[in-house]
C-alpha atoms as a PDB file:
ATOM      1  CA  MET A   1     177.953  71.521 223.593  1.00  0.00           C
ATOM      2  CA  PRO A   2     179.557  71.637 219.779  1.00  0.00           C
ATOM      3  CA  THR A   3     177.740  73.130 217.451  1.00  0.00           C
ATOM      4  CA  TYR A   4     176.147  71.386 214.286  1.00  0.00           C
ATOM      5  CA  THR A   5     178.638  72.301 212.009  1.00  0.00           C
ATOM      6  CA  GLU A   6     181.664  71.321 214.481  1.00  0.00           C
ATOM      7  CA  MET A   7     179.833  67.605 214.867  1.00  0.00           C
ATOM      8  CA  PHE A   8     179.645  67.579 210.627  1.00  0.00           C
ATOM      9  CA  TRP A   9     182.950  68.215 210.306  1.00  0.00           C
ATOM     10  CA  THR A  10     184.274  65.894 213.527  1.00  0.00           C
ATOM     11  CA  ILE A  11     181.783  62.810 211.609  1.00  0.00           C
ATOM     12  CA  ARG A  12     183.398  63.767 208.202  1.00  0.00           C
ATOM     13  CA  ASN A  13     186.788  64.159 209.121  1.00  0.00           C
ATOM     14  CA  GLU A  14     186.740  60.407 210.743  1.00  0.00           C
ATOM     15  CA  GLN A  15     185.897  59.125 207.477  1.00  0.00           C
ATOM     16  CA  THR A  16     184.097  56.343 208.652  1.00  0.00           C
ATOM     17  CA  THR A  17     182.934  53.760 205.796  1.00  0.00           C
ATOM     18  CA  ASN A  18     180.201  52.268 208.426  1.00  0.00           C
ATOM     19  CA  PRO A  19     176.935  54.406 207.662  1.00  0.00           C
ATOM     20  CA  LEU A  20     175.051  53.228 210.722  1.00  0.00           C
ATOM     21  CA  GLN A  21     177.505  55.085 212.817  1.00  0.00           C
ATOM     22  CA  VAL A  22     177.006  57.910 210.702  1.00  0.00           C
ATOM     23  CA  LEU A  23     173.318  57.455 211.416  1.00  0.00           C
ATOM     24  CA  CYS A  24     173.575  57.204 214.817  1.00  0.00           C
ATOM     25  CA  THR A  25     175.777  59.908 215.293  1.00  0.00           C
ATOM     26  CA  THR A  26     173.841  62.588 213.215  1.00  0.00           C
ATOM     27  CA  VAL A  27     170.152  61.363 213.922  1.00  0.00           C
ATOM     28  CA  GLU A  28     170.054  63.981 217.062  1.00  0.00           C
ATOM     29  CA  PRO A  29     170.923  66.957 215.413  1.00  0.00           C
ATOM     30  CA  ILE A  30     168.985  66.229 212.280  1.00  0.00           C
ATOM     31  CA  GLU A  31     165.941  65.615 214.338  1.00  0.00           C
ATOM     32  CA  SER A  32     166.622  68.764 216.267  1.00  0.00           C
ATOM     33  CA  LEU A  33     167.086  70.821 212.606  1.00  0.00           C
ATOM     34  CA  ARG A  34     163.884  69.368 211.304  1.00  0.00           C
ATOM     35  CA  GLY A  35     161.738  70.064 214.723  1.00  0.00           C
ATOM     36  CA  ASP A  36     163.543  73.910 214.367  1.00  0.00           C
ATOM     37  CA  THR A  37     162.393  74.129 210.637  1.00  0.00           C
ATOM     38  CA  PHE A  38     158.942  72.661 211.276  1.00  0.00           C
ATOM     39  CA  GLY A  39     158.170  75.509 214.348  1.00  0.00           C
ATOM     40  CA  ALA A  40     159.853  78.288 211.982  1.00  0.00           C
ATOM     41  CA  ILE A  41     157.166  77.120 209.244  1.00  0.00           C
ATOM     42  CA  THR A  42     154.422  77.095 211.397  1.00  0.00           C
ATOM     43  CA  GLU A  43     155.266  80.537 212.876  1.00  0.00           C
ATOM     44  CA  ALA A  44     155.853  81.846 209.262  1.00  0.00           C
ATOM     45  CA  ARG A  45     152.386  80.591 208.285  1.00  0.00           C
ATOM     46  CA  HIS A  46     150.653  82.236 211.222  1.00  0.00           C
ATOM     47  CA  LEU A  47     152.009  85.688 210.083  1.00  0.00           C
ATOM     48  CA  GLY A  48     150.819  85.209 206.604  1.00  0.00           C
ATOM     49  CA  VAL A  49     154.027  83.865 204.673  1.00  0.00           C
ATOM     50  CA  THR A  50     152.830  82.167 201.567  1.00  0.00           C
ATOM     51  CA  TRP A  51     154.069  78.433 200.211  1.00  0.00           C
ATOM     52  CA  GLU A  52     155.945  79.798 197.771  1.00  0.00           C
ATOM     53  CA  GLN A  53     158.052  82.251 200.011  1.00  0.00           C
ATOM     54  CA  ILE A  54     158.550  79.846 201.959  1.00  0.00           C
ATOM     55  CA  GLY A  55     159.733  77.349 199.165  1.00  0.00           C
ATOM     56  CA  GLU A  56     161.958  79.814 197.895  1.00  0.00           C
ATOM     57  CA  ALA A  57     163.716  80.237 201.364  1.00  0.00           C
ATOM     58  CA  LEU A  58     164.413  76.558 201.999  1.00  0.00           C
ATOM     59  CA  HIS A  59     165.345  76.095 198.181  1.00  0.00           C
ATOM     60  CA  GLN A  60     162.584  73.561 197.423  1.00  0.00           C
ATOM     61  CA  ARG A  61     159.408  73.665 195.494  1.00  0.00           C
ATOM     62  CA  PRO A  62     156.300  74.977 197.438  1.00  0.00           C
ATOM     63  CA  GLY A  63     154.349  71.734 197.265  1.00  0.00           C
ATOM     64  CA  ILE A  64     157.197  69.840 198.403  1.00  0.00           C
ATOM     65  CA  VAL A  65     157.300  71.840 201.708  1.00  0.00           C
ATOM     66  CA  ARG A  66     153.875  71.752 202.016  1.00  0.00           C
ATOM     67  CA  CYS A  67     153.377  68.092 201.856  1.00  0.00           C
ATOM     68  CA  GLU A  68     156.645  67.742 204.552  1.00  0.00           C
ATOM     69  CA  ASP A  69     154.771  70.238 206.763  1.00  0.00           C
ATOM     70  CA  VAL A  70     151.741  68.233 206.798  1.00  0.00           C
ATOM     71  CA  ALA A  71     153.453  65.062 207.153  1.00  0.00           C
ATOM     72  CA  MET A  72     155.165  66.671 210.545  1.00  0.00           C
ATOM     73  CA  ARG A  73     151.931  67.606 211.731  1.00  0.00           C
ATOM     74  CA  SER A  74     150.619  64.105 211.073  1.00  0.00           C
ATOM     75  CA  SER A  75     153.337  62.374 213.111  1.00  0.00           C
ATOM     76  CA  ALA A  76     153.250  64.976 215.545  1.00  0.00           C
ATOM     77  CA  PHE A  77     149.601  64.221 215.818  1.00  0.00           C
ATOM     78  CA  VAL A  78     150.136  60.605 216.323  1.00  0.00           C
ATOM     79  CA  ALA A  79     153.430  60.657 218.696  1.00  0.00           C
ATOM     80  CA  ASP A  80     150.805  62.896 220.567  1.00  0.00           C
ATOM     81  CA  SER A  81     147.861  60.774 220.600  1.00  0.00           C
ATOM     82  CA  GLY A  82     149.987  57.510 221.218  1.00  0.00           C
ATOM     83  CA  SER A  83     151.156  59.299 224.629  1.00  0.00           C
ATOM     84  CA  ALA A  84     147.461  59.943 226.129  1.00  0.00           C
END
């Protein structure tokens, strides 16, 4: 399986003008990375890492990171609730 970097360069080198093709090709790696980030944030918070430290690590403001975390938890809860 190619790495995310290899997939990015493959897509970029195609120089497609079709944004739908780019979305279709990149949705899986993007969602995977978001899930990995969400898991890392959850683990960091359990270990006592502050929102400020997480924001700094992600090059984002702490409030934005916290809001995204809440949104991810909410959507995960809705998805889990819907499958029950």
